[in-house]
Amino acid sequence: MIVVVIFCLRHAARIHGYRVTYIPSMTAYTEGITPTAPVKWRCLDGAVGVFWEASCKIGAKGYYVSPDPRLMIFFNDISSQFLMTNHGEGAARDLRSMSRAIYVPAGVPMWTSACADHRFSHLDVHIHRERLLKFLTPSLGSSAAKTALQRPVEKQDVGAIEMLAGLLVDEVANPSKHPVYAESLVGSLVTGLLDIPADAEDDWKYKLSQAQMSKLTARSSAEGGLRLTVAEMACSVGLSESWFNKVFKNTTGQTPLQWQLARRVELAQQIMLESEMTVTDVAAKLGFSDQAHLTKTFRQVVGDTPASWRRIHKVR
């Protein structure tokens, strides 16, 4: 028999002191699987966490499909007792052991079969697809977020994922904190489990923080206007040279060397206004190769020669 599993909760209704903002549904069929304890669940913002404890007999089977993505995290190793496939009941194609942590994209079906008697417990997290996109897009960009949500993930080595899932189960079974705590755990589980490349698309959205820019400016000033290498600049804000180059351009619209030249010209302007140093001496002080080098750079940045600019601004 096919059973349509629906958490029948009214939108915006108050359940145990929190709002229901998402009503997940899943078409499921199970045979030979029996709950050993009452199912525990909790509604969150755009997600529902469900904790199951069950036993099954050899030959037990199941079928599951949902219009939204979901996570499954098992708290015991069932790889030798449960098999799964995404290609139909009894299909030998792609038949494999059930992993301990699984991400199932929206609309992807799953068939399972037990090859031994066993007991198990697991956490299901049903998440509204648009809620997941809203969560991931600011960091990954729309294209990379959509791509990540389409890729199934199965992990046997769960590590920190199991710990996060355990914390979420505590809040599902016995809520003790504001829902935002459980929702942050869901976010951590998602990002820990999804297949998100380190060089995900749309990384043009990443920028240096104000604190990092302040630290870089202070480092530049401490050097007295002398040139820093890109590696030295990256190190001062704790980033790799390649990543620093990318996010620096996102932040300032300039390359690090263009920005540094502009900073050195600003220092040259300050020195010329506050002292009687010659342009040649200013060039030497700031690490330019000679007066001609400073003059060329100054003209590129300011639109005038140092001497001409000084005459105009010194009298003001």
C-alpha atoms as a PDB file:
ATOM      1  CA  MET A   1       0.000   0.000   0.000  1.00  0.00           C
ATOM      2  CA  ILE A   2       1.230   3.495  -0.872  1.00  0.00           C
ATOM      3  CA  VAL A   3       0.946   5.985   1.979  1.00  0.00           C
ATOM      4  CA  VAL A   4       1.130   9.754   1.478  1.00  0.00           C
ATOM      5  CA  VAL A   5       2.864  11.077   4.585  1.00  0.00           C
ATOM      6  CA  ILE A   6       1.802  14.653   5.332  1.00  0.00           C
ATOM      7  CA  PHE A   7       2.519  16.620   8.491  1.00  0.00           C
ATOM      8  CA  CYS A   8      -0.969  18.049   8.871  1.00  0.00           C
ATOM      9  CA  LEU A   9      -0.168  21.376  10.452  1.00  0.00           C
ATOM     10  CA  ARG A  10      -1.865  24.625   9.549  1.00  0.00           C
ATOM     11  CA  HIS A  11       0.339  27.389   8.156  1.00  0.00           C
ATOM     12  CA  ALA A  12       1.231  29.898  10.876  1.00  0.00           C
ATOM     13  CA  ALA A  13      -0.469  27.829  13.580  1.00  0.00           C
ATOM     14  CA  ARG A  14       1.080  27.820  17.029  1.00  0.00           C
ATOM     15  CA  ILE A  15       2.466  24.398  17.961  1.00  0.00           C
ATOM     16  CA  HIS A  16       4.421  24.098  21.199  1.00  0.00           C
ATOM     17  CA  GLY A  17       5.159  27.817  21.149  1.00  0.00           C
ATOM     18  CA  TYR A  18       6.548  28.188  17.610  1.00  0.00           C
ATOM     19  CA  ARG A  19       5.110  29.024  14.204  1.00  0.00           C
ATOM     20  CA  VAL A  20       4.639  26.432  11.499  1.00  0.00           C
ATOM     21  CA  THR A  21       6.013  27.967   8.299  1.00  0.00           C
ATOM     22  CA  TYR A  22       6.379  24.836   6.199  1.00  0.00           C
ATOM     23  CA  ILE A  23       4.275  21.698   5.747  1.00  0.00           C
ATOM     24  CA  PRO A  24       6.383  18.925   4.167  1.00  0.00           C
ATOM     25  CA  SER A  25       4.913  15.965   2.330  1.00  0.00           C
ATOM     26  CA  MET A  26       6.398  12.672   1.222  1.00  0.00           C
ATOM     27  CA  THR A  27       4.950   9.709  -0.610  1.00  0.00           C
ATOM     28  CA  ALA A  28       6.228   6.596   1.126  1.00  0.00           C
ATOM     29  CA  TYR A  29       5.700   2.852   1.279  1.00  0.00           C
ATOM     30  CA  THR A  30       7.186   0.627   3.961  1.00  0.00           C
ATOM     31  CA  GLU A  31       6.860  -3.060   4.729  1.00  0.00           C
ATOM     32  CA  GLY A  32       8.474  -4.891   7.642  1.00  0.00           C
ATOM     33  CA  ILE A  33       9.677  -1.711   9.379  1.00  0.00           C
ATOM     34  CA  THR A  34       8.197  -1.021  12.815  1.00  0.00           C
ATOM     35  CA  PRO A  35       8.701   2.065  15.029  1.00  0.00           C
ATOM     36  CA  THR A  36      10.024   1.124  18.478  1.00  0.00           C
ATOM     37  CA  ALA A  37       9.262   4.527  20.054  1.00  0.00           C
ATOM     38  CA  PRO A  38       6.918   7.436  19.325  1.00  0.00           C
ATOM     39  CA  VAL A  39       8.103   9.551  16.413  1.00  0.00           C
ATOM     40  CA  LYS A  40       9.441  12.933  17.541  1.00  0.00           C
ATOM     41  CA  TRP A  41       9.264  15.999  15.320  1.00  0.00           C
ATOM     42  CA  ARG A  42       9.673  19.756  15.422  1.00  0.00           C
ATOM     43  CA  CYS A  43       8.716  22.474  12.941  1.00  0.00           C
ATOM     44  CA  LEU A  44      11.268  25.161  12.145  1.00  0.00           C
ATOM     45  CA  ASP A  45      11.539  28.005   9.655  1.00  0.00           C
ATOM     46  CA  GLY A  46      11.168  26.249   6.311  1.00  0.00           C
ATOM     47  CA  ALA A  47      12.133  22.858   7.730  1.00  0.00           C
ATOM     48  CA  VAL A  48      10.861  19.991   9.848  1.00  0.00           C
ATOM     49  CA  GLY A  49      13.098  17.649  11.847  1.00  0.00           C
ATOM     50  CA  VAL A  50      11.818  14.111  12.494  1.00  0.00           C
ATOM     51  CA  PHE A  51      13.540  11.546  14.715  1.00  0.00           C
ATOM     52  CA  TRP A  52      12.748   7.854  14.166  1.00  0.00           C
ATOM     53  CA  GLU A  53      13.635   4.749  16.185  1.00  0.00           C
ATOM     54  CA  ALA A  54      12.670   1.503  14.475  1.00  0.00           C
ATOM     55  CA  SER A  55      13.378  -2.171  13.859  1.00  0.00           C
ATOM     56  CA  CYS A  56      13.103  -4.153  10.655  1.00  0.00           C
ATOM     57  CA  LYS A  57      13.090  -7.763   9.520  1.00  0.00           C
ATOM     58  CA  ILE A  58      15.110  -9.308   6.749  1.00  0.00           C
ATOM     59  CA  GLY A  59      13.269  -8.618   3.513  1.00  0.00           C
ATOM     60  CA  ALA A  60      11.780  -5.344   4.802  1.00  0.00           C
ATOM     61  CA  LYS A  61      11.503  -2.710   2.097  1.00  0.00           C
ATOM     62  CA  GLY A  62      10.540   0.871   1.507  1.00  0.00           C
ATOM     63  CA  TYR A  63       9.934   3.519  -1.143  1.00  0.00           C
ATOM     64  CA  TYR A  64      10.227   7.266  -0.589  1.00  0.00           C
ATOM     65  CA  VAL A  65       9.942  10.394  -2.731  1.00  0.00           C
ATOM     66  CA  SER A  66       9.423  14.026  -1.732  1.00  0.00           C
ATOM     67  CA  PRO A  67       8.889  17.266  -3.697  1.00  0.00           C
ATOM     68  CA  ASP A  68      11.479  18.941  -1.452  1.00  0.00           C
ATOM     69  CA  PRO A  69      15.064  18.041  -0.478  1.00  0.00           C
ATOM     70  CA  ARG A  70      15.757  16.081   2.682  1.00  0.00           C
ATOM     71  CA  LEU A  71      18.631  14.875   4.828  1.00  0.00           C
ATOM     72  CA  MET A  72      18.892  11.452   6.470  1.00  0.00           C
ATOM     73  CA  ILE A  73      21.455  10.850   9.209  1.00  0.00           C
ATOM     74  CA  PHE A  74      21.678   7.401  10.818  1.00  0.00           C
ATOM     75  CA  PHE A  75      23.054   7.030  14.345  1.00  0.00           C
ATOM     76  CA  ASN A  76      24.289   3.490  13.761  1.00  0.00           C
ATOM     77  CA  ASP A  77      26.064   1.794  10.876  1.00  0.00           C
ATOM     78  CA  ILE A  78      23.486  -0.032   8.745  1.00  0.00           C
ATOM     79  CA  SER A  79      25.642  -0.426   5.632  1.00  0.00           C
ATOM     80  CA  SER A  80      25.695  -4.214   6.003  1.00  0.00           C
ATOM     81  CA  GLN A  81      21.949  -4.499   6.726  1.00  0.00           C
ATOM     82  CA  PHE A  82      20.297  -2.080   4.279  1.00  0.00           C
ATOM     83  CA  LEU A  83      20.608  -1.673   0.516  1.00  0.00           C
ATOM     84  CA  MET A  84      19.273   1.191  -1.579  1.00  0.00           C
ATOM     85  CA  THR A  85      18.791   2.240  -5.189  1.00  0.00           C
ATOM     86  CA  ASN A  86      17.201   5.131  -7.075  1.00  0.00           C
ATOM     87  CA  HIS A  87      16.105   2.978 -10.024  1.00  0.00           C
ATOM     88  CA  GLY A  88      13.128   0.938  -8.845  1.00  0.00           C
ATOM     89  CA  GLU A  89      12.195  -1.899  -6.506  1.00  0.00           C
ATOM     90  CA  GLY A  90      14.212  -5.020  -7.238  1.00  0.00           C
ATOM     91  CA  ALA A  91      16.493  -3.164  -9.650  1.00  0.00           C
ATOM     92  CA  ALA A  92      20.078  -4.403  -9.590  1.00  0.00           C
ATOM     93  CA  ARG A  93      21.234  -1.196 -11.265  1.00  0.00           C
ATOM     94  CA  ASP A  94      23.060   1.071  -8.821  1.00  0.00           C
ATOM     95  CA  LEU A  95      22.168  -1.150  -5.846  1.00  0.00           C
ATOM     96  CA  ARG A  96      24.443  -0.105  -2.970  1.00  0.00           C
ATOM     97  CA  SER A  97      24.812  -0.114   0.806  1.00  0.00           C
ATOM     98  CA  MET A  98      22.924   2.549   2.746  1.00  0.00           C
ATOM     99  CA  SER A  99      25.322   5.238   3.942  1.00  0.00           C
ATOM    100  CA  ARG A 100      25.105   6.902   7.335  1.00  0.00           C
ATOM    101  CA  ALA A 101      24.440  10.410   5.992  1.00  0.00           C
ATOM    102  CA  ILE A 102      22.445  11.076   2.828  1.00  0.00           C
ATOM    103  CA  TYR A 103      21.232  14.160   0.997  1.00  0.00           C
ATOM    104  CA  VAL A 104      18.282  13.394  -1.302  1.00  0.00           C
ATOM    105  CA  PRO A 105      17.467  16.119  -3.862  1.00  0.00           C
ATOM    106  CA  ALA A 106      13.860  17.137  -4.496  1.00  0.00           C
ATOM    107  CA  GLY A 107      11.949  14.600  -6.569  1.00  0.00           C
ATOM    108  CA  VAL A 108      14.602  11.853  -6.404  1.00  0.00           C
ATOM    109  CA  PRO A 109      13.006   8.491  -5.449  1.00  0.00           C
ATOM    110  CA  MET A 110      14.620   5.953  -3.153  1.00  0.00           C
ATOM    111  CA  TRP A 111      13.954   2.224  -2.778  1.00  0.00           C
ATOM    112  CA  THR A 112      15.404   0.349   0.209  1.00  0.00           C
ATOM    113  CA  SER A 113      15.610  -3.307   1.207  1.00  0.00           C
ATOM    114  CA  ALA A 114      16.855  -5.028   4.361  1.00  0.00           C
ATOM    115  CA  CYS A 115      19.220  -7.987   4.090  1.00  0.00           C
ATOM    116  CA  ALA A 116      19.289  -8.678   7.863  1.00  0.00           C
ATOM    117  CA  ASP A 117      17.213  -8.119  10.996  1.00  0.00           C
ATOM    118  CA  HIS A 118      18.310  -4.958  12.779  1.00  0.00           C
ATOM    119  CA  ARG A 119      17.333  -1.895  14.798  1.00  0.00           C
ATOM    120  CA  PHE A 120      18.195   1.647  13.836  1.00  0.00           C
ATOM    121  CA  SER A 121      17.571   5.298  14.615  1.00  0.00           C
ATOM    122  CA  HIS A 122      17.826   8.219  12.261  1.00  0.00           C
ATOM    123  CA  LEU A 123      17.061  11.886  11.812  1.00  0.00           C
ATOM    124  CA  ASP A 124      15.086  13.086   8.783  1.00  0.00           C
ATOM    125  CA  VAL A 125      15.235  16.794   7.959  1.00  0.00           C
ATOM    126  CA  HIS A 126      12.716  17.942   5.358  1.00  0.00           C
ATOM    127  CA  ILE A 127      13.577  21.386   3.974  1.00  0.00           C
ATOM    128  CA  HIS A 128      11.634  23.613   1.612  1.00  0.00           C
ATOM    129  CA  ARG A 129      13.681  23.970  -1.575  1.00  0.00           C
ATOM    130  CA  GLU A 130      13.193  27.746  -1.812  1.00  0.00           C
ATOM    131  CA  ARG A 131      14.275  28.105   1.829  1.00  0.00           C
ATOM    132  CA  LEU A 132      17.475  26.215   1.036  1.00  0.00           C
ATOM    133  CA  LEU A 133      18.140  28.387  -2.014  1.00  0.00           C
ATOM    134  CA  LYS A 134      17.575  31.519   0.055  1.00  0.00           C
ATOM    135  CA  PHE A 135      20.065  30.227   2.629  1.00  0.00           C
ATOM    136  CA  LEU A 136      22.801  29.244   0.151  1.00  0.00           C
ATOM    137  CA  THR A 137      22.553  31.881  -2.584  1.00  0.00           C
ATOM    138  CA  PRO A 138      24.124  34.839  -0.710  1.00  0.00           C
ATOM    139  CA  SER A 139      27.331  32.850  -0.235  1.00  0.00           C
ATOM    140  CA  LEU A 140      27.431  30.666  -3.359  1.00  0.00           C
ATOM    141  CA  GLY A 141      25.468  32.596  -5.945  1.00  0.00           C
ATOM    142  CA  SER A 142      22.260  31.388  -7.573  1.00  0.00           C
ATOM    143  CA  SER A 143      23.826  29.060 -10.144  1.00  0.00           C
ATOM    144  CA  ALA A 144      26.159  27.246  -7.714  1.00  0.00           C
ATOM    145  CA  ALA A 145      23.396  26.925  -5.091  1.00  0.00           C
ATOM    146  CA  LYS A 146      20.993  25.341  -7.587  1.00  0.00           C
ATOM    147  CA  THR A 147      23.701  22.983  -8.818  1.00  0.00           C
ATOM    148  CA  ALA A 148      24.553  21.871  -5.263  1.00  0.00           C
ATOM    149  CA  LEU A 149      20.892  21.134  -4.499  1.00  0.00           C
ATOM    150  CA  GLN A 150      20.635  18.877  -7.556  1.00  0.00           C
ATOM    151  CA  ARG A 151      23.563  16.617  -6.587  1.00  0.00           C
ATOM    152  CA  PRO A 152      22.786  13.603  -4.332  1.00  0.00           C
ATOM    153  CA  VAL A 153      25.311  13.020  -1.545  1.00  0.00           C
ATOM    154  CA  GLU A 154      26.053   9.874   0.458  1.00  0.00           C
ATOM    155  CA  LYS A 155      28.696   9.739   3.211  1.00  0.00           C
ATOM    156  CA  GLN A 156      29.698   6.833   5.376  1.00  0.00           C
ATOM    157  CA  ASP A 157      32.270   8.774   7.419  1.00  0.00           C
ATOM    158  CA  VAL A 158      29.924  11.162   9.238  1.00  0.00           C
ATOM    159  CA  GLY A 159      32.305  12.751  11.772  1.00  0.00           C
ATOM    160  CA  ALA A 160      30.983  16.121  12.910  1.00  0.00           C
ATOM    161  CA  ILE A 161      27.742  15.579  10.977  1.00  0.00           C
ATOM    162  CA  GLU A 162      26.651  12.968  13.515  1.00  0.00           C
ATOM    163  CA  MET A 163      27.440  15.346  16.389  1.00  0.00           C
ATOM    164  CA  LEU A 164      25.393  18.157  14.784  1.00  0.00           C
ATOM    165  CA  ALA A 165      22.550  15.723  14.096  1.00  0.00           C
ATOM    166  CA  GLY A 166      22.599  14.615  17.733  1.00  0.00           C
ATOM    167  CA  LEU A 167      22.305  18.227  18.911  1.00  0.00           C
ATOM    168  CA  LEU A 168      19.383  18.737  16.547  1.00  0.00           C
ATOM    169  CA  VAL A 169      17.672  15.566  17.802  1.00  0.00           C
ATOM    170  CA  ASP A 170      17.911  16.931  21.349  1.00  0.00           C
ATOM    171  CA  GLU A 171      16.056  20.063  20.224  1.00  0.00           C
ATOM    172  CA  VAL A 172      13.541  18.034  18.207  1.00  0.00           C
ATOM    173  CA  ALA A 173      12.753  15.649  21.070  1.00  0.00           C
ATOM    174  CA  ASN A 174      12.959  18.121  23.961  1.00  0.00           C
ATOM    175  CA  PRO A 175      12.978  21.751  22.773  1.00  0.00           C
ATOM    176  CA  SER A 176      14.902  23.897  25.245  1.00  0.00           C
ATOM    177  CA  LYS A 177      16.172  26.835  23.179  1.00  0.00           C
ATOM    178  CA  HIS A 178      14.804  29.402  20.757  1.00  0.00           C
ATOM    179  CA  PRO A 179      14.067  27.830  17.319  1.00  0.00           C
ATOM    180  CA  VAL A 180      16.908  29.867  15.782  1.00  0.00           C
ATOM    181  CA  TYR A 181      19.368  27.499  17.494  1.00  0.00           C
ATOM    182  CA  ALA A 182      17.865  24.411  15.851  1.00  0.00           C
ATOM    183  CA  GLU A 183      17.608  26.264  12.536  1.00  0.00           C
ATOM    184  CA  SER A 184      21.323  27.107  12.689  1.00  0.00           C
ATOM    185  CA  LEU A 185      22.042  23.401  13.233  1.00  0.00           C
ATOM    186  CA  VAL A 186      20.019  22.597  10.112  1.00  0.00           C
ATOM    187  CA  GLY A 187      22.116  25.124   8.175  1.00  0.00           C
ATOM    188  CA  SER A 188      25.331  23.555   9.455  1.00  0.00           C
ATOM    189  CA  LEU A 189      24.137  20.065   8.525  1.00  0.00           C
ATOM    190  CA  VAL A 190      23.215  21.217   5.028  1.00  0.00           C
ATOM    191  CA  THR A 191      26.554  22.908   4.342  1.00  0.00           C
ATOM    192  CA  GLY A 192      28.456  20.029   5.944  1.00  0.00           C
ATOM    193  CA  LEU A 193      26.718  17.427   3.801  1.00  0.00           C
ATOM    194  CA  LEU A 194      26.119  19.105   0.442  1.00  0.00           C
ATOM    195  CA  ASP A 195      28.678  18.744  -2.327  1.00  0.00           C
ATOM    196  CA  ILE A 196      29.835  22.378  -2.524  1.00  0.00           C
ATOM    197  CA  PRO A 197      33.173  22.921  -4.326  1.00  0.00           C
ATOM    198  CA  ALA A 198      35.645  25.248  -2.642  1.00  0.00           C
ATOM    199  CA  ASP A 199      35.684  27.340  -5.828  1.00  0.00           C
ATOM    200  CA  ALA A 200      31.892  27.550  -6.183  1.00  0.00           C
ATOM    201  CA  GLU A 201      30.519  29.869  -8.871  1.00  0.00           C
ATOM    202  CA  ASP A 202      29.762  33.528  -8.312  1.00  0.00           C
ATOM    203  CA  ASP A 203      32.646  33.955  -5.892  1.00  0.00           C
ATOM    204  CA  TRP A 204      32.718  37.580  -7.129  1.00  0.00           C
ATOM    205  CA  LYS A 205      30.267  38.240  -4.282  1.00  0.00           C
ATOM    206  CA  TYR A 206      32.932  37.614  -1.638  1.00  0.00           C
ATOM    207  CA  LYS A 207      34.567  40.768  -0.258  1.00  0.00           C
ATOM    208  CA  LEU A 208      37.056  41.788   2.397  1.00  0.00           C
ATOM    209  CA  SER A 209      35.504  42.857   5.681  1.00  0.00           C
ATOM    210  CA  GLN A 210      35.927  46.391   6.983  1.00  0.00           C
ATOM    211  CA  ALA A 211      38.231  45.025   9.688  1.00  0.00           C
ATOM    212  CA  GLN A 212      40.433  43.381   7.054  1.00  0.00           C
ATOM    213  CA  MET A 213      40.612  46.580   4.999  1.00  0.00           C
ATOM    214  CA  SER A 214      41.504  48.566   8.131  1.00  0.00           C
ATOM    215  CA  LYS A 215      44.249  46.077   8.989  1.00  0.00           C
ATOM    216  CA  LEU A 216      45.630  46.282   5.460  1.00  0.00           C
ATOM    217  CA  THR A 217      45.585  50.093   5.487  1.00  0.00           C
ATOM    218  CA  ALA A 218      47.385  50.134   8.844  1.00  0.00           C
ATOM    219  CA  ARG A 219      50.035  47.717   7.519  1.00  0.00           C
ATOM    220  CA  SER A 220      50.553  49.903   4.463  1.00  0.00           C
ATOM    221  CA  SER A 221      50.909  53.019   6.621  1.00  0.00           C
ATOM    222  CA  ALA A 222      53.328  51.266   8.963  1.00  0.00           C
ATOM    223  CA  GLU A 223      55.595  50.578   5.989  1.00  0.00           C
ATOM    224  CA  GLY A 224      55.809  54.316   5.336  1.00  0.00           C
ATOM    225  CA  GLY A 225      54.469  53.978   1.827  1.00  0.00           C
ATOM    226  CA  LEU A 226      57.068  51.423   0.759  1.00  0.00           C
ATOM    227  CA  ARG A 227      55.809  48.740  -1.577  1.00  0.00           C
ATOM    228  CA  LEU A 228      54.349  45.516  -0.148  1.00  0.00           C
ATOM    229  CA  THR A 229      54.178  42.359  -2.233  1.00  0.00           C
ATOM    230  CA  VAL A 230      50.742  40.852  -2.863  1.00  0.00           C
ATOM    231  CA  ALA A 231      51.792  37.878  -0.717  1.00  0.00           C
ATOM    232  CA  GLU A 232      52.625  40.221   2.177  1.00  0.00           C
ATOM    233  CA  MET A 233      49.301  42.019   1.789  1.00  0.00           C
ATOM    234  CA  ALA A 234      47.396  38.712   1.724  1.00  0.00           C
ATOM    235  CA  CYS A 235      49.255  37.463   4.793  1.00  0.00           C
ATOM    236  CA  SER A 236      48.361  40.605   6.733  1.00  0.00           C
ATOM    237  CA  VAL A 237      44.646  39.753   6.457  1.00  0.00           C
ATOM    238  CA  GLY A 238      45.019  35.975   6.779  1.00  0.00           C
ATOM    239  CA  LEU A 239      44.188  34.948   3.197  1.00  0.00           C
ATOM    240  CA  SER A 240      45.942  33.015   0.458  1.00  0.00           C
ATOM    241  CA  GLU A 241      47.464  35.130  -2.298  1.00  0.00           C
ATOM    242  CA  SER A 242      45.106  33.833  -5.023  1.00  0.00           C
ATOM    243  CA  TRP A 243      41.964  34.282  -2.943  1.00  0.00           C
ATOM    244  CA  PHE A 244      43.138  37.703  -1.729  1.00  0.00           C
ATOM    245  CA  ASN A 245      43.611  38.893  -5.323  1.00  0.00           C
ATOM    246  CA  LYS A 246      40.047  37.851  -6.159  1.00  0.00           C
ATOM    247  CA  VAL A 247      38.198  39.280  -3.166  1.00  0.00           C
ATOM    248  CA  PHE A 248      40.310  42.453  -3.127  1.00  0.00           C
ATOM    249  CA  LYS A 249      39.166  43.325  -6.651  1.00  0.00           C
ATOM    250  CA  ASN A 250      35.572  42.585  -5.577  1.00  0.00           C
ATOM    251  CA  THR A 251      35.965  44.974  -2.640  1.00  0.00           C
ATOM    252  CA  THR A 252      37.794  47.930  -4.153  1.00  0.00           C
ATOM    253  CA  GLY A 253      37.397  47.616  -7.910  1.00  0.00           C
ATOM    254  CA  GLN A 254      41.210  47.694  -8.125  1.00  0.00           C
ATOM    255  CA  THR A 255      43.980  45.145  -8.086  1.00  0.00           C
ATOM    256  CA  PRO A 256      46.087  45.135  -4.903  1.00  0.00           C
ATOM    257  CA  LEU A 257      48.992  46.828  -6.735  1.00  0.00           C
ATOM    258  CA  GLN A 258      46.713  49.515  -8.212  1.00  0.00           C
ATOM    259  CA  TRP A 259      45.330  50.219  -4.735  1.00  0.00           C
ATOM    260  CA  GLN A 260      48.801  50.312  -3.251  1.00  0.00           C
ATOM    261  CA  LEU A 261      50.044  52.774  -5.881  1.00  0.00           C
ATOM    262  CA  ALA A 262      47.077  55.043  -5.109  1.00  0.00           C
ATOM    263  CA  ARG A 263      47.909  54.826  -1.384  1.00  0.00           C
ATOM    264  CA  ARG A 264      51.555  55.765  -2.055  1.00  0.00           C
ATOM    265  CA  VAL A 265      50.431  58.719  -4.156  1.00  0.00           C
ATOM    266  CA  GLU A 266      48.165  59.843  -1.291  1.00  0.00           C
ATOM    267  CA  LEU A 267      51.162  59.729   1.035  1.00  0.00           C
ATOM    268  CA  ALA A 268      53.201  61.696  -1.481  1.00  0.00           C
ATOM    269  CA  GLN A 269      50.470  64.352  -1.544  1.00  0.00           C
ATOM    270  CA  GLN A 270      50.461  64.507   2.261  1.00  0.00           C
ATOM    271  CA  ILE A 271      54.239  64.875   2.441  1.00  0.00           C
ATOM    272  CA  MET A 272      54.294  67.610  -0.225  1.00  0.00           C
ATOM    273  CA  LEU A 273      51.623  69.593   1.617  1.00  0.00           C
ATOM    274  CA  GLU A 274      53.203  69.219   5.054  1.00  0.00           C
ATOM    275  CA  SER A 275      56.892  69.634   4.175  1.00  0.00           C
ATOM    276  CA  GLU A 276      59.319  71.313   1.780  1.00  0.00           C
ATOM    277  CA  MET A 277      60.823  68.042   0.577  1.00  0.00           C
ATOM    278  CA  THR A 278      61.710  67.985  -3.096  1.00  0.00           C
ATOM    279  CA  VAL A 279      59.830  65.643  -5.421  1.00  0.00           C
ATOM    280  CA  THR A 280      63.046  63.661  -5.815  1.00  0.00           C
ATOM    281  CA  ASP A 281      63.305  63.182  -2.031  1.00  0.00           C
ATOM    282  CA  VAL A 282      59.609  62.244  -1.779  1.00  0.00           C
ATOM    283  CA  ALA A 283      60.132  59.632  -4.500  1.00  0.00           C
ATOM    284  CA  ALA A 284      63.078  58.149  -2.615  1.00  0.00           C
ATOM    285  CA  LYS A 285      61.234  58.151   0.709  1.00  0.00           C
ATOM    286  CA  LEU A 286      58.267  56.262  -0.752  1.00  0.00           C
ATOM    287  CA  GLY A 287      60.307  53.689  -2.646  1.00  0.00           C
ATOM    288  CA  PHE A 288      59.798  54.930  -6.198  1.00  0.00           C
ATOM    289  CA  SER A 289      62.759  54.219  -8.461  1.00  0.00           C
ATOM    290  CA  ASP A 290      63.287  57.923  -9.226  1.00  0.00           C
ATOM    291  CA  GLN A 291      61.483  61.239  -9.672  1.00  0.00           C
ATOM    292  CA  ALA A 292      60.309  60.273 -13.160  1.00  0.00           C
ATOM    293  CA  HIS A 293      58.666  57.117 -11.795  1.00  0.00           C
ATOM    294  CA  LEU A 294      56.789  59.099  -9.133  1.00  0.00           C
ATOM    295  CA  THR A 295      55.782  61.759 -11.651  1.00  0.00           C
ATOM    296  CA  LYS A 296      54.399  59.171 -14.096  1.00  0.00           C
ATOM    297  CA  THR A 297      52.465  57.335 -11.387  1.00  0.00           C
ATOM    298  CA  PHE A 298      51.233  60.595  -9.846  1.00  0.00           C
ATOM    299  CA  ARG A 299      49.920  61.793 -13.216  1.00  0.00           C
ATOM    300  CA  GLN A 300      48.105  58.468 -13.801  1.00  0.00           C
ATOM    301  CA  VAL A 301      46.349  58.650 -10.423  1.00  0.00           C
ATOM    302  CA  VAL A 302      45.798  62.393  -9.934  1.00  0.00           C
ATOM    303  CA  GLY A 303      45.822  63.701 -13.495  1.00  0.00           C
ATOM    304  CA  ASP A 304      48.601  66.220 -12.851  1.00  0.00           C
ATOM    305  CA  THR A 305      52.338  66.292 -12.106  1.00  0.00           C
ATOM    306  CA  PRO A 306      53.508  66.456  -8.468  1.00  0.00           C
ATOM    307  CA  ALA A 307      55.045  69.917  -8.921  1.00  0.00           C
ATOM    308  CA  SER A 308      51.949  71.382 -10.594  1.00  0.00           C
ATOM    309  CA  TRP A 309      49.610  69.796  -8.044  1.00  0.00           C
ATOM    310  CA  ARG A 310      51.739  71.127  -5.186  1.00  0.00           C
ATOM    311  CA  ARG A 311      51.694  74.703  -6.536  1.00  0.00           C
ATOM    312  CA  ILE A 312      47.906  74.666  -6.797  1.00  0.00           C
ATOM    313  CA  HIS A 313      47.181  73.092  -3.405  1.00  0.00           C
ATOM    314  CA  LYS A 314      49.987  74.548  -1.313  1.00  0.00           C
ATOM    315  CA  VAL A 315      48.548  78.079  -1.568  1.00  0.00           C
ATOM    316  CA  ARG A 316      45.031  77.093  -0.516  1.00  0.00           C
END
